[in-house]
Amino acid sequence: MTAETHDHLDASENMAPDRAKVPYRARTVTMRARELRVMGAGMLAVAAVRPLIPIETGPPCPLRLITGIPCPLCGMTRGVTAVVHGDFAYALLMNPAAYLAVAVALLLIVQWRVKRFVIPLWIITGVLGVMWIWQIYKFATGKPL
């Protein structure tokens, strides 16, 4: 997957370069849709067959191993698997962002004409922040991680 971060600067052309003021700075991440489609389809396929695997698979979370505190993505594999299999209550408990991951994967597959996506960095940061708040809440209240 190719992700690029861009800085867009709005500055007046009449101003000297050393005195140019930047009234607005928008950071975006641009991703090619083809790679995202392949990853989304792969995620849905793995989630569909994952319950058939007799052992629990998946790499452990490094942050949780070192600190005991869950990362924003903890529970996503189990949450996506639960959404794909219709266990919506369990998915909500594991990681509510699993709904978003499945919805985005389906949207990517359906919107096959789209070539690339430009996402403002504040949206990515905001979603990860909300996900982490949820994980810390679960950790603090003793809910399953």
N, C-alpha and C. Protein backbone atom coordinates (compact mmCIF):
# COMPACT_ATOMS: atom_id res chain seq x y z
N MET A 1 0.86 -1.17 0.00
CA MET A 1 0.00 0.00 0.00
C MET A 1 0.90 1.23 0.00
N THR A 2 0.57 2.14 -0.83
CA THR A 2 1.32 3.39 -0.90
C THR A 2 0.51 4.47 -0.23
N ALA A 3 1.06 5.05 0.78
CA ALA A 3 0.41 6.16 1.46
C ALA A 3 1.36 7.34 1.45
N GLU A 4 0.85 8.47 1.05
CA GLU A 4 1.67 9.66 0.99
C GLU A 4 1.04 10.72 1.86
N THR A 5 1.87 11.46 2.57
CA THR A 5 1.39 12.58 3.36
C THR A 5 1.76 13.85 2.63
N HIS A 6 0.79 14.73 2.46
CA HIS A 6 1.00 15.97 1.73
C HIS A 6 0.76 17.15 2.65
N ASP A 7 1.56 18.16 2.49
CA ASP A 7 1.32 19.44 3.15
C ASP A 7 0.84 20.40 2.09
N HIS A 8 -0.35 20.96 2.28
CA HIS A 8 -0.88 21.96 1.36
C HIS A 8 -0.77 23.31 2.05
N LEU A 9 -0.05 24.21 1.43
CA LEU A 9 0.17 25.51 2.03
C LEU A 9 -0.50 26.56 1.17
N ASP A 10 -1.31 27.40 1.79
CA ASP A 10 -1.92 28.53 1.11
C ASP A 10 -1.15 29.78 1.50
N ALA A 11 -0.41 30.33 0.56
CA ALA A 11 0.37 31.54 0.84
C ALA A 11 0.23 32.48 -0.34
N SER A 12 0.26 33.71 -0.07
CA SER A 12 0.15 34.71 -1.12
C SER A 12 1.42 34.73 -1.95
N GLU A 13 1.28 34.86 -3.28
CA GLU A 13 2.45 34.91 -4.15
C GLU A 13 3.18 36.24 -4.03
N ASN A 14 2.50 37.27 -3.54
CA ASN A 14 3.10 38.59 -3.44
C ASN A 14 4.05 38.71 -2.26
N MET A 15 4.01 37.81 -1.33
CA MET A 15 4.82 37.91 -0.13
C MET A 15 6.21 37.33 -0.38
N ALA A 16 7.20 37.88 0.28
CA ALA A 16 8.56 37.36 0.19
C ALA A 16 8.58 35.97 0.81
N PRO A 17 9.43 35.07 0.31
CA PRO A 17 9.45 33.71 0.83
C PRO A 17 9.73 33.63 2.33
N ASP A 18 10.59 34.49 2.85
CA ASP A 18 10.89 34.43 4.27
C ASP A 18 9.80 35.03 5.14
N ARG A 19 8.89 35.80 4.54
CA ARG A 19 7.81 36.42 5.31
C ARG A 19 6.46 35.80 5.00
N ALA A 20 6.44 34.74 4.20
CA ALA A 20 5.17 34.12 3.81
C ALA A 20 4.48 33.56 5.06
N LYS A 21 3.22 33.91 5.19
CA LYS A 21 2.43 33.40 6.30
C LYS A 21 1.52 32.30 5.78
N VAL A 22 1.35 31.30 6.57
CA VAL A 22 0.52 30.17 6.17
C VAL A 22 -0.76 30.22 7.01
N PRO A 23 -1.87 30.74 6.43
CA PRO A 23 -3.09 30.84 7.20
C PRO A 23 -3.77 29.50 7.44
N TYR A 24 -3.52 28.53 6.56
CA TYR A 24 -4.19 27.24 6.70
C TYR A 24 -3.24 26.14 6.25
N ARG A 25 -3.19 25.10 7.00
CA ARG A 25 -2.33 23.97 6.66
C ARG A 25 -3.15 22.70 6.80
N ALA A 26 -3.41 22.04 5.68
CA ALA A 26 -4.19 20.81 5.70
C ALA A 26 -3.29 19.64 5.34
N ARG A 27 -3.25 18.68 6.18
CA ARG A 27 -2.47 17.47 5.91
C ARG A 27 -3.43 16.37 5.48
N THR A 28 -3.05 15.66 4.45
CA THR A 28 -3.88 14.57 3.95
C THR A 28 -3.03 13.34 3.71
N VAL A 29 -3.69 12.20 3.66
CA VAL A 29 -3.05 10.94 3.32
C VAL A 29 -3.74 10.45 2.06
N THR A 30 -2.94 10.17 1.02
CA THR A 30 -3.47 9.68 -0.24
C THR A 30 -3.12 8.20 -0.37
N MET A 31 -4.14 7.38 -0.65
CA MET A 31 -3.93 5.95 -0.79
C MET A 31 -4.55 5.47 -2.09
N ARG A 32 -3.86 4.58 -2.77
CA ARG A 32 -4.40 4.00 -4.00
C ARG A 32 -5.47 2.98 -3.63
N ALA A 33 -6.59 3.04 -4.31
CA ALA A 33 -7.75 2.21 -3.97
C ALA A 33 -7.51 0.73 -4.28
N ARG A 34 -6.70 0.43 -5.28
CA ARG A 34 -6.51 -0.96 -5.65
C ARG A 34 -5.94 -1.79 -4.50
N GLU A 35 -4.89 -1.28 -3.86
CA GLU A 35 -4.29 -2.00 -2.74
C GLU A 35 -5.27 -2.11 -1.57
N LEU A 36 -6.01 -1.03 -1.34
CA LEU A 36 -7.00 -1.06 -0.26
C LEU A 36 -8.10 -2.07 -0.54
N ARG A 37 -8.51 -2.19 -1.80
CA ARG A 37 -9.53 -3.17 -2.17
C ARG A 37 -9.04 -4.59 -1.90
N VAL A 38 -7.81 -4.86 -2.29
CA VAL A 38 -7.24 -6.20 -2.08
C VAL A 38 -7.16 -6.50 -0.59
N MET A 39 -6.69 -5.54 0.20
CA MET A 39 -6.60 -5.75 1.65
C MET A 39 -7.98 -5.91 2.27
N GLY A 40 -8.95 -5.10 1.83
CA GLY A 40 -10.31 -5.20 2.36
C GLY A 40 -10.95 -6.54 2.04
N ALA A 41 -10.79 -7.00 0.79
CA ALA A 41 -11.33 -8.30 0.40
C ALA A 41 -10.64 -9.42 1.18
N GLY A 42 -9.34 -9.29 1.36
CA GLY A 42 -8.60 -10.28 2.15
C GLY A 42 -9.06 -10.31 3.59
N MET A 43 -9.29 -9.13 4.16
CA MET A 43 -9.76 -9.06 5.54
C MET A 43 -11.11 -9.75 5.69
N LEU A 44 -12.03 -9.50 4.75
CA LEU A 44 -13.35 -10.13 4.81
C LEU A 44 -13.26 -11.64 4.61
N ALA A 45 -12.38 -12.08 3.71
CA ALA A 45 -12.22 -13.52 3.47
C ALA A 45 -11.65 -14.23 4.70
N VAL A 46 -10.64 -13.64 5.31
CA VAL A 46 -10.06 -14.23 6.52
C VAL A 46 -11.09 -14.27 7.64
N ALA A 47 -11.86 -13.20 7.77
CA ALA A 47 -12.88 -13.16 8.81
C ALA A 47 -13.95 -14.22 8.57
N ALA A 48 -14.23 -14.51 7.31
CA ALA A 48 -15.25 -15.52 7.00
C ALA A 48 -14.79 -16.92 7.37
N VAL A 49 -13.50 -17.23 7.20
CA VAL A 49 -13.02 -18.59 7.48
C VAL A 49 -12.36 -18.72 8.85
N ARG A 50 -12.12 -17.65 9.53
CA ARG A 50 -11.40 -17.68 10.80
C ARG A 50 -12.03 -18.60 11.85
N PRO A 51 -13.37 -18.63 12.00
CA PRO A 51 -13.94 -19.55 13.00
C PRO A 51 -13.70 -21.03 12.68
N LEU A 52 -13.37 -21.36 11.45
CA LEU A 52 -13.12 -22.75 11.08
C LEU A 52 -11.74 -23.22 11.48
N ILE A 53 -10.85 -22.29 11.81
CA ILE A 53 -9.49 -22.63 12.22
C ILE A 53 -9.54 -23.09 13.68
N PRO A 54 -9.02 -24.29 13.99
CA PRO A 54 -9.18 -24.84 15.34
C PRO A 54 -8.39 -24.13 16.44
N ILE A 55 -7.39 -23.34 16.08
CA ILE A 55 -6.61 -22.64 17.11
C ILE A 55 -6.77 -21.14 16.93
N GLU A 56 -6.61 -20.40 18.01
CA GLU A 56 -6.66 -18.94 17.97
C GLU A 56 -5.37 -18.44 17.35
N THR A 57 -5.50 -17.72 16.24
CA THR A 57 -4.31 -17.25 15.54
C THR A 57 -4.27 -15.73 15.56
N GLY A 58 -3.12 -15.22 15.31
CA GLY A 58 -2.95 -13.78 15.23
C GLY A 58 -1.79 -13.34 16.09
N PRO A 59 -1.09 -12.32 15.64
CA PRO A 59 0.05 -11.84 16.44
C PRO A 59 -0.44 -11.10 17.68
N PRO A 60 0.29 -11.23 18.78
CA PRO A 60 -0.08 -10.49 19.98
C PRO A 60 0.23 -9.00 19.81
N CYS A 61 -0.48 -8.17 20.53
CA CYS A 61 -0.28 -6.72 20.47
C CYS A 61 1.00 -6.37 21.23
N PRO A 62 1.98 -5.75 20.58
CA PRO A 62 3.23 -5.41 21.27
C PRO A 62 3.02 -4.44 22.43
N LEU A 63 2.16 -3.43 22.25
CA LEU A 63 1.93 -2.47 23.33
C LEU A 63 1.34 -3.16 24.56
N ARG A 64 0.39 -4.05 24.32
CA ARG A 64 -0.25 -4.75 25.43
C ARG A 64 0.71 -5.73 26.10
N LEU A 65 1.60 -6.35 25.32
CA LEU A 65 2.58 -7.26 25.90
C LEU A 65 3.55 -6.52 26.81
N ILE A 66 3.98 -5.34 26.38
CA ILE A 66 4.99 -4.59 27.13
C ILE A 66 4.38 -3.85 28.32
N THR A 67 3.24 -3.16 28.09
CA THR A 67 2.68 -2.29 29.13
C THR A 67 1.42 -2.85 29.80
N GLY A 68 0.76 -3.79 29.15
CA GLY A 68 -0.52 -4.28 29.67
C GLY A 68 -1.70 -3.43 29.23
N ILE A 69 -1.42 -2.32 28.58
CA ILE A 69 -2.48 -1.41 28.12
C ILE A 69 -2.79 -1.73 26.66
N PRO A 70 -4.07 -1.87 26.33
CA PRO A 70 -4.42 -2.21 24.95
C PRO A 70 -4.23 -1.03 24.00
N CYS A 71 -3.90 -1.35 22.76
CA CYS A 71 -3.75 -0.32 21.72
C CYS A 71 -5.11 -0.06 21.09
N PRO A 72 -5.25 0.96 20.24
CA PRO A 72 -6.54 1.24 19.61
C PRO A 72 -7.07 0.10 18.74
N LEU A 73 -6.19 -0.74 18.23
CA LEU A 73 -6.62 -1.81 17.33
C LEU A 73 -6.86 -3.14 18.04
N CYS A 74 -6.63 -3.21 19.34
CA CYS A 74 -6.89 -4.46 20.06
C CYS A 74 -8.36 -4.84 19.90
N GLY A 75 -8.59 -6.09 19.56
CA GLY A 75 -9.95 -6.59 19.39
C GLY A 75 -10.50 -6.45 17.99
N MET A 76 -9.74 -5.84 17.07
CA MET A 76 -10.25 -5.65 15.71
C MET A 76 -10.44 -6.97 14.97
N THR A 77 -9.52 -7.90 15.11
CA THR A 77 -9.65 -9.18 14.41
C THR A 77 -10.91 -9.90 14.87
N ARG A 78 -11.10 -9.99 16.18
CA ARG A 78 -12.30 -10.65 16.71
C ARG A 78 -13.56 -9.85 16.38
N GLY A 79 -13.46 -8.52 16.39
CA GLY A 79 -14.61 -7.68 16.07
C GLY A 79 -15.05 -7.81 14.62
N VAL A 80 -14.09 -7.78 13.69
CA VAL A 80 -14.41 -7.93 12.27
C VAL A 80 -15.00 -9.32 12.01
N THR A 81 -14.41 -10.34 12.63
CA THR A 81 -14.94 -11.70 12.48
C THR A 81 -16.38 -11.77 12.99
N ALA A 82 -16.65 -11.13 14.11
CA ALA A 82 -18.00 -11.13 14.67
C ALA A 82 -18.99 -10.41 13.76
N VAL A 83 -18.59 -9.26 13.18
CA VAL A 83 -19.48 -8.54 12.27
C VAL A 83 -19.79 -9.39 11.04
N VAL A 84 -18.77 -10.00 10.46
CA VAL A 84 -18.96 -10.83 9.27
C VAL A 84 -19.91 -12.00 9.55
N HIS A 85 -19.87 -12.52 10.77
CA HIS A 85 -20.72 -13.65 11.12
C HIS A 85 -22.01 -13.24 11.82
N GLY A 86 -22.28 -11.94 11.90
CA GLY A 86 -23.55 -11.46 12.41
C GLY A 86 -23.66 -11.37 13.93
N ASP A 87 -22.57 -11.53 14.65
CA ASP A 87 -22.60 -11.40 16.11
C ASP A 87 -22.28 -9.95 16.47
N PHE A 88 -23.27 -9.08 16.29
CA PHE A 88 -23.05 -7.64 16.40
C PHE A 88 -22.77 -7.17 17.82
N ALA A 89 -23.37 -7.82 18.82
CA ALA A 89 -23.13 -7.42 20.22
C ALA A 89 -21.68 -7.71 20.61
N TYR A 90 -21.18 -8.87 20.22
CA TYR A 90 -19.79 -9.22 20.53
C TYR A 90 -18.82 -8.29 19.81
N ALA A 91 -19.15 -7.94 18.57
CA ALA A 91 -18.29 -7.02 17.80
C ALA A 91 -18.23 -5.66 18.48
N LEU A 92 -19.35 -5.19 18.98
CA LEU A 92 -19.38 -3.90 19.68
C LEU A 92 -18.52 -3.95 20.94
N LEU A 93 -18.54 -5.07 21.63
CA LEU A 93 -17.73 -5.22 22.84
C LEU A 93 -16.23 -5.28 22.51
N MET A 94 -15.88 -6.00 21.46
CA MET A 94 -14.47 -6.16 21.11
C MET A 94 -13.86 -4.86 20.62
N ASN A 95 -14.44 -4.27 19.59
CA ASN A 95 -13.96 -2.99 19.07
C ASN A 95 -15.02 -2.44 18.13
N PRO A 96 -15.70 -1.37 18.53
CA PRO A 96 -16.76 -0.81 17.69
C PRO A 96 -16.28 -0.38 16.30
N ALA A 97 -15.00 -0.13 16.14
CA ALA A 97 -14.48 0.26 14.84
C ALA A 97 -14.50 -0.90 13.85
N ALA A 98 -14.80 -2.10 14.31
CA ALA A 98 -14.92 -3.24 13.41
C ALA A 98 -16.05 -3.01 12.41
N TYR A 99 -17.12 -2.36 12.85
CA TYR A 99 -18.21 -2.01 11.94
C TYR A 99 -17.69 -1.09 10.83
N LEU A 100 -16.90 -0.11 11.22
CA LEU A 100 -16.32 0.82 10.25
C LEU A 100 -15.39 0.10 9.28
N ALA A 101 -14.57 -0.81 9.78
CA ALA A 101 -13.63 -1.55 8.92
C ALA A 101 -14.38 -2.39 7.89
N VAL A 102 -15.43 -3.07 8.31
CA VAL A 102 -16.20 -3.89 7.38
C VAL A 102 -16.94 -3.01 6.38
N ALA A 103 -17.52 -1.90 6.85
CA ALA A 103 -18.23 -0.99 5.95
C ALA A 103 -17.29 -0.40 4.91
N VAL A 104 -16.10 0.01 5.32
CA VAL A 104 -15.13 0.58 4.39
C VAL A 104 -14.68 -0.49 3.39
N ALA A 105 -14.44 -1.71 3.84
CA ALA A 105 -14.02 -2.79 2.93
C ALA A 105 -15.11 -3.06 1.90
N LEU A 106 -16.36 -3.11 2.33
CA LEU A 106 -17.47 -3.34 1.38
C LEU A 106 -17.61 -2.17 0.42
N LEU A 107 -17.46 -0.96 0.92
CA LEU A 107 -17.55 0.23 0.07
C LEU A 107 -16.44 0.24 -0.98
N LEU A 108 -15.24 -0.15 -0.57
CA LEU A 108 -14.13 -0.22 -1.52
C LEU A 108 -14.40 -1.23 -2.63
N ILE A 109 -14.98 -2.35 -2.27
CA ILE A 109 -15.27 -3.38 -3.27
C ILE A 109 -16.37 -2.92 -4.22
N VAL A 110 -17.38 -2.25 -3.70
CA VAL A 110 -18.51 -1.79 -4.52
C VAL A 110 -18.10 -0.60 -5.39
N GLN A 111 -17.31 0.30 -4.86
CA GLN A 111 -16.88 1.50 -5.60
C GLN A 111 -15.61 1.19 -6.38
N TRP A 112 -15.68 0.29 -7.32
CA TRP A 112 -14.50 -0.19 -8.03
C TRP A 112 -13.92 0.83 -9.00
N ARG A 113 -14.65 1.86 -9.36
CA ARG A 113 -14.13 2.86 -10.31
C ARG A 113 -13.23 3.90 -9.64
N VAL A 114 -13.31 4.02 -8.35
CA VAL A 114 -12.49 5.00 -7.64
C VAL A 114 -11.03 4.53 -7.67
N LYS A 115 -10.13 5.43 -8.05
CA LYS A 115 -8.71 5.08 -8.20
C LYS A 115 -7.87 5.38 -6.96
N ARG A 116 -8.23 6.43 -6.21
CA ARG A 116 -7.47 6.77 -5.01
C ARG A 116 -8.37 7.49 -4.03
N PHE A 117 -7.93 7.49 -2.79
CA PHE A 117 -8.64 8.15 -1.72
C PHE A 117 -7.73 9.17 -1.07
N VAL A 118 -8.27 10.34 -0.78
CA VAL A 118 -7.54 11.37 -0.06
C VAL A 118 -8.29 11.59 1.25
N ILE A 119 -7.63 11.28 2.35
CA ILE A 119 -8.26 11.35 3.66
C ILE A 119 -7.52 12.39 4.50
N PRO A 120 -8.24 13.36 5.06
CA PRO A 120 -7.58 14.32 5.97
C PRO A 120 -6.98 13.58 7.17
N LEU A 121 -5.79 13.97 7.54
CA LEU A 121 -5.09 13.31 8.64
C LEU A 121 -5.84 13.46 9.96
N TRP A 122 -6.59 14.54 10.13
CA TRP A 122 -7.32 14.73 11.39
C TRP A 122 -8.41 13.67 11.55
N ILE A 123 -8.96 13.16 10.46
CA ILE A 123 -9.98 12.10 10.57
C ILE A 123 -9.33 10.81 11.07
N ILE A 124 -8.18 10.46 10.51
CA ILE A 124 -7.48 9.25 10.94
C ILE A 124 -7.09 9.37 12.41
N THR A 125 -6.54 10.52 12.78
CA THR A 125 -6.14 10.74 14.18
C THR A 125 -7.35 10.70 15.11
N GLY A 126 -8.44 11.31 14.70
CA GLY A 126 -9.65 11.32 15.52
C GLY A 126 -10.23 9.94 15.73
N VAL A 127 -10.30 9.15 14.66
CA VAL A 127 -10.84 7.79 14.78
C VAL A 127 -9.96 6.94 15.68
N LEU A 128 -8.64 7.02 15.49
CA LEU A 128 -7.74 6.26 16.36
C LEU A 128 -7.84 6.72 17.81
N GLY A 129 -8.01 8.03 18.03
CA GLY A 129 -8.17 8.55 19.39
C GLY A 129 -9.42 8.01 20.07
N VAL A 130 -10.53 8.02 19.35
CA VAL A 130 -11.79 7.48 19.91
C VAL A 130 -11.65 5.99 20.17
N MET A 131 -10.99 5.27 19.26
CA MET A 131 -10.79 3.83 19.46
C MET A 131 -9.96 3.58 20.72
N TRP A 132 -8.93 4.40 20.93
CA TRP A 132 -8.09 4.19 22.10
C TRP A 132 -8.84 4.54 23.39
N ILE A 133 -9.64 5.57 23.35
CA ILE A 133 -10.45 5.91 24.54
C ILE A 133 -11.35 4.73 24.90
N TRP A 134 -11.95 4.09 23.89
CA TRP A 134 -12.80 2.92 24.14
C TRP A 134 -11.98 1.80 24.77
N GLN A 135 -10.77 1.55 24.26
CA GLN A 135 -9.95 0.47 24.81
C GLN A 135 -9.52 0.77 26.24
N ILE A 136 -9.16 2.01 26.52
CA ILE A 136 -8.78 2.38 27.89
C ILE A 136 -9.98 2.25 28.83
N TYR A 137 -11.17 2.63 28.36
CA TYR A 137 -12.39 2.46 29.16
C TYR A 137 -12.60 0.98 29.49
N LYS A 138 -12.48 0.12 28.48
CA LYS A 138 -12.63 -1.32 28.72
C LYS A 138 -11.59 -1.82 29.70
N PHE A 139 -10.36 -1.36 29.55
CA PHE A 139 -9.27 -1.78 30.42
C PHE A 139 -9.54 -1.35 31.86
N ALA A 140 -10.01 -0.11 32.03
CA ALA A 140 -10.24 0.43 33.37
C ALA A 140 -11.45 -0.20 34.06
N THR A 141 -12.45 -0.63 33.29
CA THR A 141 -13.66 -1.19 33.88
C THR A 141 -13.66 -2.71 33.93
N GLY A 142 -12.61 -3.34 33.44
CA GLY A 142 -12.49 -4.81 33.52
C GLY A 142 -13.27 -5.55 32.45
N LYS A 143 -13.69 -4.87 31.40
CA LYS A 143 -14.40 -5.56 30.31
C LYS A 143 -13.39 -6.36 29.49
N PRO A 144 -13.85 -7.37 28.78
CA PRO A 144 -12.91 -8.21 27.99
C PRO A 144 -12.16 -7.37 26.95
N LEU A 145 -10.86 -7.63 26.86
CA LEU A 145 -10.05 -6.94 25.87
C LEU A 145 -9.92 -7.83 24.67
